[in-house]
Amino acid sequence: MTPPDSIFNESDESLKSVLSEIRLNLKTGKSTRRPIMLESEQINLEAGMVNRNRLGRKTQFAYLAIAEPWPKVSGFAKVDVTTGEVKKHFYGDRRFGGEPFFLPRGKNSESEEDGFILAFVHDERTWKSELQIVNAKNLQLEASVKLPTRVPYGFHGTFVNSEELAKQV
């Protein structure tokens, strides 16, 4: 991200982030950096995640917040990290939200796209909030759950099912 401290300090410079792959060679100590998207397609992305059933393994898709207009999040992008192809889901006019959260359809889902993107969204015109549930494969809105109160921008969370919750006792 440039300028490098822009996330912490106000800056007159325009914010620019470049989604990159960084490879570390443990034998030589050298690193390489490769932009994933074409420069013409660059958008400010942050707070990404992948299907957690695939953590620690090679993945093809990452889901990242579209941080535009900075610092608000207007939607999220599904990025094919092998080809650089980007598909976008926007929350709507004057609707902003937080980071996308990928929820696998099941523990044993084979396809890394088999699941849903959950995002808290706030409508600045009506001052109402909702949880959007978006199909991760085609980025179509599957459901919207109206919330009784506003969820603040920048809210971080995770999803646990009833089995995982019971184990935490």
N, C-alpha and C. Protein backbone atom coordinates (compact mmCIF):
# COMPACT_ATOMS: atom_id res chain seq x y z
N MET A 1 0.85 -1.17 0.00
CA MET A 1 0.00 0.00 0.00
C MET A 1 0.90 1.23 0.00
N THR A 2 0.56 2.19 -0.81
CA THR A 2 1.32 3.44 -0.81
C THR A 2 0.35 4.61 -0.60
N PRO A 3 0.71 5.64 0.10
CA PRO A 3 1.92 5.68 0.91
C PRO A 3 1.87 4.63 2.02
N PRO A 4 3.05 4.11 2.46
CA PRO A 4 3.07 2.96 3.36
C PRO A 4 2.35 3.15 4.68
N ASP A 5 2.32 4.35 5.21
CA ASP A 5 1.66 4.56 6.50
C ASP A 5 0.25 5.12 6.36
N SER A 6 -0.31 5.07 5.15
CA SER A 6 -1.60 5.70 4.89
C SER A 6 -2.74 5.09 5.71
N ILE A 7 -2.61 3.86 6.11
CA ILE A 7 -3.68 3.24 6.89
C ILE A 7 -3.74 3.82 8.29
N PHE A 8 -2.61 4.40 8.76
CA PHE A 8 -2.56 4.92 10.12
C PHE A 8 -2.60 6.45 10.18
N ASN A 9 -2.22 7.11 9.10
CA ASN A 9 -2.14 8.57 9.10
C ASN A 9 -2.91 9.13 7.91
N GLU A 10 -3.48 10.31 8.10
CA GLU A 10 -4.12 10.97 6.97
C GLU A 10 -3.05 11.44 6.01
N SER A 11 -3.38 11.38 4.74
CA SER A 11 -2.40 11.74 3.72
C SER A 11 -3.11 12.45 2.58
N ASP A 12 -2.43 13.43 1.99
CA ASP A 12 -2.99 14.11 0.83
C ASP A 12 -2.79 13.29 -0.44
N GLU A 13 -1.88 12.32 -0.37
CA GLU A 13 -1.63 11.48 -1.54
C GLU A 13 -2.79 10.52 -1.72
N SER A 14 -3.04 10.11 -2.97
CA SER A 14 -4.11 9.15 -3.19
C SER A 14 -3.61 7.76 -2.79
N LEU A 15 -4.50 7.02 -2.17
CA LEU A 15 -4.17 5.69 -1.69
C LEU A 15 -4.11 4.71 -2.86
N LYS A 16 -3.12 3.86 -2.85
CA LYS A 16 -3.01 2.85 -3.89
C LYS A 16 -2.49 1.58 -3.25
N SER A 17 -3.21 0.49 -3.43
CA SER A 17 -2.72 -0.80 -2.95
C SER A 17 -2.60 -1.73 -4.14
N VAL A 18 -1.64 -2.62 -4.07
CA VAL A 18 -1.41 -3.58 -5.14
C VAL A 18 -1.44 -4.97 -4.54
N LEU A 19 -2.44 -5.76 -4.92
CA LEU A 19 -2.52 -7.13 -4.45
C LEU A 19 -1.37 -7.90 -5.08
N SER A 20 -0.53 -8.48 -4.23
CA SER A 20 0.69 -9.12 -4.72
C SER A 20 0.89 -10.49 -4.10
N GLU A 21 1.59 -11.31 -4.85
CA GLU A 21 2.07 -12.59 -4.32
C GLU A 21 3.53 -12.37 -3.93
N ILE A 22 3.86 -12.74 -2.72
CA ILE A 22 5.25 -12.63 -2.25
C ILE A 22 5.73 -14.04 -1.95
N ARG A 23 6.83 -14.41 -2.57
CA ARG A 23 7.41 -15.74 -2.35
C ARG A 23 8.72 -15.58 -1.62
N LEU A 24 8.89 -16.39 -0.60
CA LEU A 24 10.12 -16.38 0.19
C LEU A 24 10.89 -17.66 -0.09
N ASN A 25 12.14 -17.51 -0.49
CA ASN A 25 13.00 -18.66 -0.72
C ASN A 25 13.78 -18.90 0.57
N LEU A 26 13.42 -19.97 1.28
CA LEU A 26 14.03 -20.23 2.58
C LEU A 26 15.50 -20.66 2.46
N LYS A 27 15.89 -21.14 1.29
CA LYS A 27 17.29 -21.55 1.11
C LYS A 27 18.20 -20.35 0.85
N THR A 28 17.74 -19.43 0.00
CA THR A 28 18.60 -18.29 -0.37
C THR A 28 18.32 -17.04 0.47
N GLY A 29 17.17 -17.00 1.10
CA GLY A 29 16.80 -15.82 1.88
C GLY A 29 16.25 -14.69 1.02
N LYS A 30 16.08 -14.95 -0.28
CA LYS A 30 15.57 -13.91 -1.18
C LYS A 30 14.05 -14.00 -1.29
N SER A 31 13.47 -12.87 -1.68
CA SER A 31 12.03 -12.83 -1.89
C SER A 31 11.73 -12.25 -3.26
N THR A 32 10.59 -12.63 -3.80
CA THR A 32 10.11 -12.06 -5.06
C THR A 32 8.68 -11.60 -4.86
N ARG A 33 8.33 -10.57 -5.61
CA ARG A 33 6.98 -10.02 -5.52
C ARG A 33 6.39 -9.94 -6.91
N ARG A 34 5.13 -10.42 -7.05
CA ARG A 34 4.44 -10.41 -8.34
C ARG A 34 3.05 -9.82 -8.15
N PRO A 35 2.75 -8.72 -8.85
CA PRO A 35 1.38 -8.20 -8.80
C PRO A 35 0.43 -9.26 -9.37
N ILE A 36 -0.70 -9.44 -8.72
CA ILE A 36 -1.65 -10.47 -9.18
C ILE A 36 -2.58 -9.92 -10.26
N MET A 37 -2.99 -8.65 -10.14
CA MET A 37 -3.91 -8.07 -11.11
C MET A 37 -3.16 -7.14 -12.06
N LEU A 38 -3.72 -6.97 -13.25
CA LEU A 38 -3.16 -6.01 -14.19
C LEU A 38 -3.27 -4.61 -13.60
N GLU A 39 -2.32 -3.75 -13.93
CA GLU A 39 -2.34 -2.39 -13.40
C GLU A 39 -3.62 -1.65 -13.77
N SER A 40 -4.16 -1.93 -14.96
CA SER A 40 -5.39 -1.27 -15.40
C SER A 40 -6.60 -1.70 -14.57
N GLU A 41 -6.52 -2.83 -13.89
CA GLU A 41 -7.63 -3.34 -13.08
C GLU A 41 -7.43 -3.12 -11.59
N GLN A 42 -6.37 -2.43 -11.20
CA GLN A 42 -6.07 -2.27 -9.78
C GLN A 42 -7.17 -1.50 -9.06
N ILE A 43 -7.59 -2.05 -7.94
CA ILE A 43 -8.50 -1.38 -7.02
C ILE A 43 -7.94 -1.61 -5.63
N ASN A 44 -8.32 -0.77 -4.69
CA ASN A 44 -7.83 -0.91 -3.33
C ASN A 44 -8.56 -2.06 -2.64
N LEU A 45 -7.80 -3.10 -2.33
CA LEU A 45 -8.35 -4.28 -1.69
C LEU A 45 -7.66 -4.52 -0.37
N GLU A 46 -8.41 -5.04 0.59
CA GLU A 46 -7.81 -5.35 1.89
C GLU A 46 -8.65 -6.40 2.59
N ALA A 47 -8.16 -6.87 3.74
CA ALA A 47 -8.87 -7.80 4.63
C ALA A 47 -9.39 -9.01 3.87
N GLY A 48 -8.50 -9.69 3.19
CA GLY A 48 -8.91 -10.83 2.38
C GLY A 48 -8.94 -12.14 3.14
N MET A 49 -9.65 -13.09 2.54
CA MET A 49 -9.66 -14.43 3.10
C MET A 49 -9.96 -15.44 2.01
N VAL A 50 -9.69 -16.68 2.33
CA VAL A 50 -9.97 -17.79 1.42
C VAL A 50 -10.87 -18.78 2.15
N ASN A 51 -11.33 -19.79 1.44
CA ASN A 51 -12.12 -20.86 2.04
C ASN A 51 -11.26 -21.52 3.11
N ARG A 52 -11.69 -21.47 4.37
CA ARG A 52 -10.85 -21.97 5.45
C ARG A 52 -10.67 -23.49 5.41
N ASN A 53 -11.48 -24.19 4.64
CA ASN A 53 -11.24 -25.62 4.43
C ASN A 53 -9.96 -25.85 3.64
N ARG A 54 -9.44 -24.79 3.01
CA ARG A 54 -8.24 -24.89 2.17
C ARG A 54 -7.03 -24.21 2.79
N LEU A 55 -7.12 -23.76 4.03
CA LEU A 55 -5.98 -23.07 4.65
C LEU A 55 -4.74 -23.94 4.63
N GLY A 56 -3.62 -23.33 4.28
CA GLY A 56 -2.35 -24.05 4.23
C GLY A 56 -2.12 -24.78 2.94
N ARG A 57 -3.07 -24.73 2.03
CA ARG A 57 -2.93 -25.38 0.72
C ARG A 57 -3.07 -24.32 -0.38
N LYS A 58 -2.64 -24.69 -1.55
CA LYS A 58 -2.76 -23.76 -2.67
C LYS A 58 -4.23 -23.47 -2.93
N THR A 59 -4.54 -22.19 -3.10
CA THR A 59 -5.91 -21.78 -3.38
C THR A 59 -5.95 -20.96 -4.66
N GLN A 60 -7.09 -20.98 -5.30
CA GLN A 60 -7.26 -20.21 -6.53
C GLN A 60 -7.96 -18.88 -6.29
N PHE A 61 -8.86 -18.83 -5.29
CA PHE A 61 -9.68 -17.64 -5.09
C PHE A 61 -9.44 -17.01 -3.73
N ALA A 62 -9.42 -15.68 -3.73
CA ALA A 62 -9.38 -14.90 -2.50
C ALA A 62 -10.54 -13.90 -2.57
N TYR A 63 -11.11 -13.62 -1.43
CA TYR A 63 -12.24 -12.69 -1.33
C TYR A 63 -11.77 -11.52 -0.48
N LEU A 64 -11.80 -10.31 -1.05
CA LEU A 64 -11.22 -9.14 -0.38
C LEU A 64 -12.18 -7.96 -0.41
N ALA A 65 -12.12 -7.15 0.65
CA ALA A 65 -12.93 -5.94 0.74
C ALA A 65 -12.45 -4.92 -0.29
N ILE A 66 -13.39 -4.25 -0.97
CA ILE A 66 -13.08 -3.16 -1.88
C ILE A 66 -13.08 -1.88 -1.05
N ALA A 67 -11.90 -1.38 -0.74
CA ALA A 67 -11.75 -0.21 0.15
C ALA A 67 -11.80 1.07 -0.65
N GLU A 68 -12.95 1.31 -1.25
CA GLU A 68 -13.17 2.51 -2.06
C GLU A 68 -14.61 2.94 -1.87
N PRO A 69 -14.87 4.19 -1.59
CA PRO A 69 -13.92 5.27 -1.38
C PRO A 69 -13.25 5.12 0.00
N TRP A 70 -11.93 5.15 0.01
CA TRP A 70 -11.16 4.96 1.23
C TRP A 70 -11.64 5.92 2.31
N PRO A 71 -11.88 5.52 3.53
CA PRO A 71 -11.63 4.21 4.11
C PRO A 71 -12.87 3.31 4.14
N LYS A 72 -13.94 3.66 3.45
CA LYS A 72 -15.14 2.84 3.47
C LYS A 72 -15.01 1.65 2.53
N VAL A 73 -15.80 0.62 2.81
CA VAL A 73 -15.80 -0.61 2.00
C VAL A 73 -17.13 -0.65 1.23
N SER A 74 -17.04 -0.56 -0.09
CA SER A 74 -18.24 -0.49 -0.92
C SER A 74 -18.69 -1.85 -1.45
N GLY A 75 -17.91 -2.89 -1.20
CA GLY A 75 -18.25 -4.22 -1.67
C GLY A 75 -17.07 -5.14 -1.46
N PHE A 76 -17.07 -6.24 -2.20
CA PHE A 76 -15.93 -7.13 -2.13
C PHE A 76 -15.62 -7.68 -3.51
N ALA A 77 -14.39 -8.16 -3.65
CA ALA A 77 -13.93 -8.72 -4.92
C ALA A 77 -13.55 -10.17 -4.73
N LYS A 78 -13.85 -10.96 -5.74
CA LYS A 78 -13.39 -12.35 -5.81
C LYS A 78 -12.26 -12.33 -6.82
N VAL A 79 -11.06 -12.64 -6.35
CA VAL A 79 -9.88 -12.57 -7.21
C VAL A 79 -9.35 -13.96 -7.48
N ASP A 80 -9.20 -14.28 -8.76
CA ASP A 80 -8.54 -15.52 -9.15
C ASP A 80 -7.05 -15.22 -9.09
N VAL A 81 -6.36 -15.76 -8.09
CA VAL A 81 -4.96 -15.40 -7.88
C VAL A 81 -4.03 -16.03 -8.91
N THR A 82 -4.52 -16.96 -9.72
CA THR A 82 -3.67 -17.54 -10.77
C THR A 82 -3.74 -16.72 -12.06
N THR A 83 -4.93 -16.18 -12.38
CA THR A 83 -5.08 -15.44 -13.63
C THR A 83 -5.17 -13.92 -13.43
N GLY A 84 -5.50 -13.49 -12.22
CA GLY A 84 -5.69 -12.07 -11.95
C GLY A 84 -7.09 -11.58 -12.27
N GLU A 85 -7.98 -12.49 -12.72
CA GLU A 85 -9.36 -12.08 -13.02
C GLU A 85 -10.06 -11.63 -11.74
N VAL A 86 -10.83 -10.54 -11.85
CA VAL A 86 -11.51 -9.97 -10.69
C VAL A 86 -13.01 -9.87 -10.99
N LYS A 87 -13.82 -10.39 -10.07
CA LYS A 87 -15.27 -10.22 -10.13
C LYS A 87 -15.66 -9.46 -8.88
N LYS A 88 -16.62 -8.53 -9.03
CA LYS A 88 -16.95 -7.65 -7.91
C LYS A 88 -18.42 -7.76 -7.51
N HIS A 89 -18.66 -7.60 -6.23
CA HIS A 89 -20.01 -7.50 -5.68
C HIS A 89 -20.07 -6.20 -4.90
N PHE A 90 -20.96 -5.29 -5.31
CA PHE A 90 -21.10 -4.01 -4.61
C PHE A 90 -22.36 -4.04 -3.75
N TYR A 91 -22.29 -3.38 -2.60
CA TYR A 91 -23.40 -3.38 -1.65
C TYR A 91 -24.53 -2.46 -2.08
N GLY A 92 -24.27 -1.49 -2.94
CA GLY A 92 -25.32 -0.58 -3.41
C GLY A 92 -24.99 0.86 -3.10
N ASP A 93 -25.80 1.75 -3.66
CA ASP A 93 -25.60 3.19 -3.51
C ASP A 93 -25.66 3.60 -2.04
N ARG A 94 -24.60 4.27 -1.57
CA ARG A 94 -24.47 4.76 -0.19
C ARG A 94 -24.63 3.64 0.83
N ARG A 95 -24.22 2.44 0.44
CA ARG A 95 -24.22 1.27 1.32
C ARG A 95 -22.78 0.81 1.46
N PHE A 96 -22.34 0.68 2.70
CA PHE A 96 -20.95 0.31 2.97
C PHE A 96 -20.94 -0.78 4.03
N GLY A 97 -19.86 -1.52 4.05
CA GLY A 97 -19.80 -2.63 4.98
C GLY A 97 -18.40 -2.90 5.48
N GLY A 98 -18.26 -4.08 6.00
CA GLY A 98 -16.97 -4.51 6.53
C GLY A 98 -16.32 -5.54 5.64
N GLU A 99 -15.38 -6.23 6.21
CA GLU A 99 -14.64 -7.23 5.46
C GLU A 99 -15.54 -8.42 5.11
N PRO A 100 -15.30 -9.06 3.98
CA PRO A 100 -16.08 -10.25 3.64
C PRO A 100 -15.58 -11.45 4.45
N PHE A 101 -16.50 -12.34 4.78
CA PHE A 101 -16.15 -13.56 5.50
C PHE A 101 -16.64 -14.74 4.69
N PHE A 102 -15.73 -15.66 4.34
CA PHE A 102 -16.09 -16.84 3.56
C PHE A 102 -16.55 -17.94 4.51
N LEU A 103 -17.76 -18.44 4.28
CA LEU A 103 -18.31 -19.54 5.07
C LEU A 103 -18.48 -20.74 4.15
N PRO A 104 -17.68 -21.81 4.34
CA PRO A 104 -17.84 -23.01 3.50
C PRO A 104 -19.24 -23.60 3.69
N ARG A 105 -19.77 -24.19 2.62
CA ARG A 105 -21.10 -24.82 2.70
C ARG A 105 -21.08 -25.98 3.70
N GLY A 106 -19.97 -26.68 3.76
CA GLY A 106 -19.85 -27.80 4.68
C GLY A 106 -18.39 -28.11 4.95
N LYS A 107 -18.15 -28.96 5.96
CA LYS A 107 -16.77 -29.32 6.33
C LYS A 107 -16.01 -29.98 5.19
N ASN A 108 -16.73 -30.74 4.37
CA ASN A 108 -16.07 -31.54 3.33
C ASN A 108 -16.34 -31.02 1.93
N SER A 109 -16.66 -29.76 1.79
CA SER A 109 -16.90 -29.19 0.46
C SER A 109 -15.65 -29.36 -0.38
N GLU A 110 -15.82 -29.93 -1.56
CA GLU A 110 -14.68 -30.17 -2.44
C GLU A 110 -14.21 -28.90 -3.16
N SER A 111 -15.14 -28.13 -3.69
CA SER A 111 -14.79 -26.93 -4.44
C SER A 111 -14.51 -25.78 -3.48
N GLU A 112 -13.43 -25.05 -3.73
CA GLU A 112 -13.13 -23.94 -2.83
C GLU A 112 -14.09 -22.78 -2.99
N GLU A 113 -14.94 -22.80 -4.02
CA GLU A 113 -15.97 -21.78 -4.21
C GLU A 113 -17.30 -22.20 -3.57
N ASP A 114 -17.37 -23.39 -3.01
CA ASP A 114 -18.61 -23.92 -2.48
C ASP A 114 -18.88 -23.34 -1.10
N GLY A 115 -19.56 -22.21 -1.09
CA GLY A 115 -19.85 -21.55 0.17
C GLY A 115 -20.49 -20.20 -0.05
N PHE A 116 -20.43 -19.39 0.99
CA PHE A 116 -21.10 -18.10 0.98
C PHE A 116 -20.16 -17.02 1.52
N ILE A 117 -20.36 -15.81 1.03
CA ILE A 117 -19.66 -14.65 1.58
C ILE A 117 -20.67 -13.93 2.47
N LEU A 118 -20.29 -13.71 3.72
CA LEU A 118 -21.12 -12.98 4.66
C LEU A 118 -20.52 -11.59 4.83
N ALA A 119 -21.37 -10.58 4.84
CA ALA A 119 -20.88 -9.21 5.02
C ALA A 119 -21.94 -8.38 5.73
N PHE A 120 -21.50 -7.64 6.74
CA PHE A 120 -22.38 -6.68 7.39
C PHE A 120 -22.40 -5.42 6.53
N VAL A 121 -23.60 -4.92 6.24
CA VAL A 121 -23.76 -3.76 5.35
C VAL A 121 -24.65 -2.74 6.04
N HIS A 122 -24.25 -1.47 5.91
CA HIS A 122 -25.02 -0.37 6.50
C HIS A 122 -25.45 0.59 5.40
N ASP A 123 -26.72 0.95 5.39
CA ASP A 123 -27.27 1.89 4.42
C ASP A 123 -27.24 3.28 5.06
N GLU A 124 -26.43 4.18 4.51
CA GLU A 124 -26.28 5.51 5.10
C GLU A 124 -27.48 6.42 4.84
N ARG A 125 -28.35 6.04 3.91
CA ARG A 125 -29.56 6.84 3.66
C ARG A 125 -30.63 6.52 4.69
N THR A 126 -30.85 5.23 4.96
CA THR A 126 -31.93 4.81 5.86
C THR A 126 -31.44 4.55 7.27
N TRP A 127 -30.13 4.47 7.44
CA TRP A 127 -29.49 4.18 8.72
C TRP A 127 -29.89 2.79 9.24
N LYS A 128 -30.09 1.85 8.30
CA LYS A 128 -30.42 0.47 8.66
C LYS A 128 -29.27 -0.44 8.24
N SER A 129 -29.13 -1.55 8.96
CA SER A 129 -28.05 -2.50 8.68
C SER A 129 -28.62 -3.87 8.39
N GLU A 130 -27.82 -4.66 7.70
CA GLU A 130 -28.21 -6.02 7.35
C GLU A 130 -26.98 -6.90 7.22
N LEU A 131 -27.23 -8.20 7.25
CA LEU A 131 -26.20 -9.18 6.94
C LEU A 131 -26.51 -9.69 5.55
N GLN A 132 -25.59 -9.48 4.61
CA GLN A 132 -25.79 -10.01 3.26
C GLN A 132 -25.12 -11.37 3.17
N ILE A 133 -25.82 -12.31 2.52
CA ILE A 133 -25.31 -13.65 2.29
C ILE A 133 -25.25 -13.83 0.78
N VAL A 134 -24.02 -13.94 0.26
CA VAL A 134 -23.78 -13.94 -1.19
C VAL A 134 -23.17 -15.29 -1.59
N ASN A 135 -23.68 -15.86 -2.67
CA ASN A 135 -23.13 -17.11 -3.19
C ASN A 135 -21.70 -16.84 -3.68
N ALA A 136 -20.74 -17.58 -3.15
CA ALA A 136 -19.33 -17.34 -3.48
C ALA A 136 -19.00 -17.69 -4.92
N LYS A 137 -19.72 -18.61 -5.51
CA LYS A 137 -19.40 -19.02 -6.89
C LYS A 137 -19.81 -17.96 -7.90
N ASN A 138 -21.05 -17.46 -7.80
CA ASN A 138 -21.54 -16.54 -8.84
C ASN A 138 -21.75 -15.10 -8.34
N LEU A 139 -21.47 -14.84 -7.06
CA LEU A 139 -21.59 -13.53 -6.42
C LEU A 139 -23.01 -12.96 -6.46
N GLN A 140 -24.00 -13.85 -6.49
CA GLN A 140 -25.40 -13.42 -6.43
C GLN A 140 -25.86 -13.39 -4.99
N LEU A 141 -26.63 -12.36 -4.64
CA LEU A 141 -27.17 -12.23 -3.30
C LEU A 141 -28.18 -13.37 -3.07
N GLU A 142 -27.95 -14.17 -2.05
CA GLU A 142 -28.83 -15.29 -1.72
C GLU A 142 -29.87 -14.88 -0.68
N ALA A 143 -29.44 -14.05 0.29
CA ALA A 143 -30.36 -13.64 1.35
C ALA A 143 -29.84 -12.38 2.01
N SER A 144 -30.75 -11.68 2.65
CA SER A 144 -30.40 -10.49 3.40
C SER A 144 -31.16 -10.55 4.72
N VAL A 145 -30.43 -10.43 5.83
CA VAL A 145 -31.03 -10.50 7.15
C VAL A 145 -30.99 -9.11 7.77
N LYS A 146 -32.17 -8.54 8.00
CA LYS A 146 -32.25 -7.21 8.62
C LYS A 146 -31.77 -7.30 10.06
N LEU A 147 -30.97 -6.33 10.48
CA LEU A 147 -30.42 -6.32 11.83
C LEU A 147 -31.10 -5.26 12.68
N PRO A 148 -31.29 -5.53 13.97
CA PRO A 148 -31.98 -4.57 14.83
C PRO A 148 -31.15 -3.36 15.20
N THR A 149 -29.85 -3.42 14.96
CA THR A 149 -28.98 -2.30 15.30
C THR A 149 -27.84 -2.22 14.30
N ARG A 150 -27.16 -1.12 14.30
CA ARG A 150 -26.06 -0.91 13.35
C ARG A 150 -24.83 -1.69 13.78
N VAL A 151 -24.17 -2.29 12.80
CA VAL A 151 -22.86 -2.91 13.03
C VAL A 151 -21.83 -1.92 12.52
N PRO A 152 -20.91 -1.48 13.36
CA PRO A 152 -19.96 -0.45 12.93
C PRO A 152 -19.02 -0.93 11.83
N TYR A 153 -18.61 0.01 10.98
CA TYR A 153 -17.60 -0.30 9.97
C TYR A 153 -16.36 -0.79 10.69
N GLY A 154 -15.66 -1.71 10.07
CA GLY A 154 -14.43 -2.22 10.68
C GLY A 154 -14.66 -3.33 11.67
N PHE A 155 -15.93 -3.74 11.88
CA PHE A 155 -16.21 -4.83 12.80
C PHE A 155 -15.57 -6.11 12.28
N HIS A 156 -14.87 -6.81 13.14
CA HIS A 156 -14.24 -8.07 12.76
C HIS A 156 -14.97 -9.20 13.48
N GLY A 157 -15.13 -10.30 12.82
CA GLY A 157 -15.80 -11.42 13.46
C GLY A 157 -15.46 -12.72 12.79
N THR A 158 -16.04 -13.76 13.30
CA THR A 158 -15.86 -15.08 12.71
C THR A 158 -17.17 -15.84 12.88
N PHE A 159 -17.27 -16.95 12.21
CA PHE A 159 -18.48 -17.76 12.28
C PHE A 159 -18.11 -19.10 12.89
N VAL A 160 -18.90 -19.53 13.85
CA VAL A 160 -18.73 -20.87 14.40
C VAL A 160 -20.08 -21.56 14.37
N ASN A 161 -20.07 -22.85 14.06
CA ASN A 161 -21.33 -23.58 14.07
C ASN A 161 -21.58 -24.11 15.48
N SER A 162 -22.71 -24.76 15.70
CA SER A 162 -23.08 -25.19 17.04
C SER A 162 -22.10 -26.21 17.61
N GLU A 163 -21.54 -27.08 16.75
CA GLU A 163 -20.54 -28.05 17.22
C GLU A 163 -19.29 -27.35 17.72
N GLU A 164 -18.80 -26.39 16.96
CA GLU A 164 -17.60 -25.65 17.37
C GLU A 164 -17.84 -24.86 18.64
N LEU A 165 -19.03 -24.29 18.77
CA LEU A 165 -19.38 -23.52 19.95
C LEU A 165 -19.43 -24.42 21.20
N ALA A 166 -20.00 -25.61 21.05
CA ALA A 166 -20.08 -26.54 22.19
C ALA A 166 -18.70 -26.96 22.67
N LYS A 167 -17.72 -27.05 21.78
CA LYS A 167 -16.35 -27.44 22.16
C LYS A 167 -15.65 -26.37 22.97
N GLN A 168 -16.16 -25.14 22.94
CA GLN A 168 -15.50 -24.03 23.63
C GLN A 168 -15.89 -23.90 25.10
N VAL A 169 -16.79 -24.74 25.55
CA VAL A 169 -17.27 -24.66 26.95
C VAL A 169 -16.18 -25.00 27.94
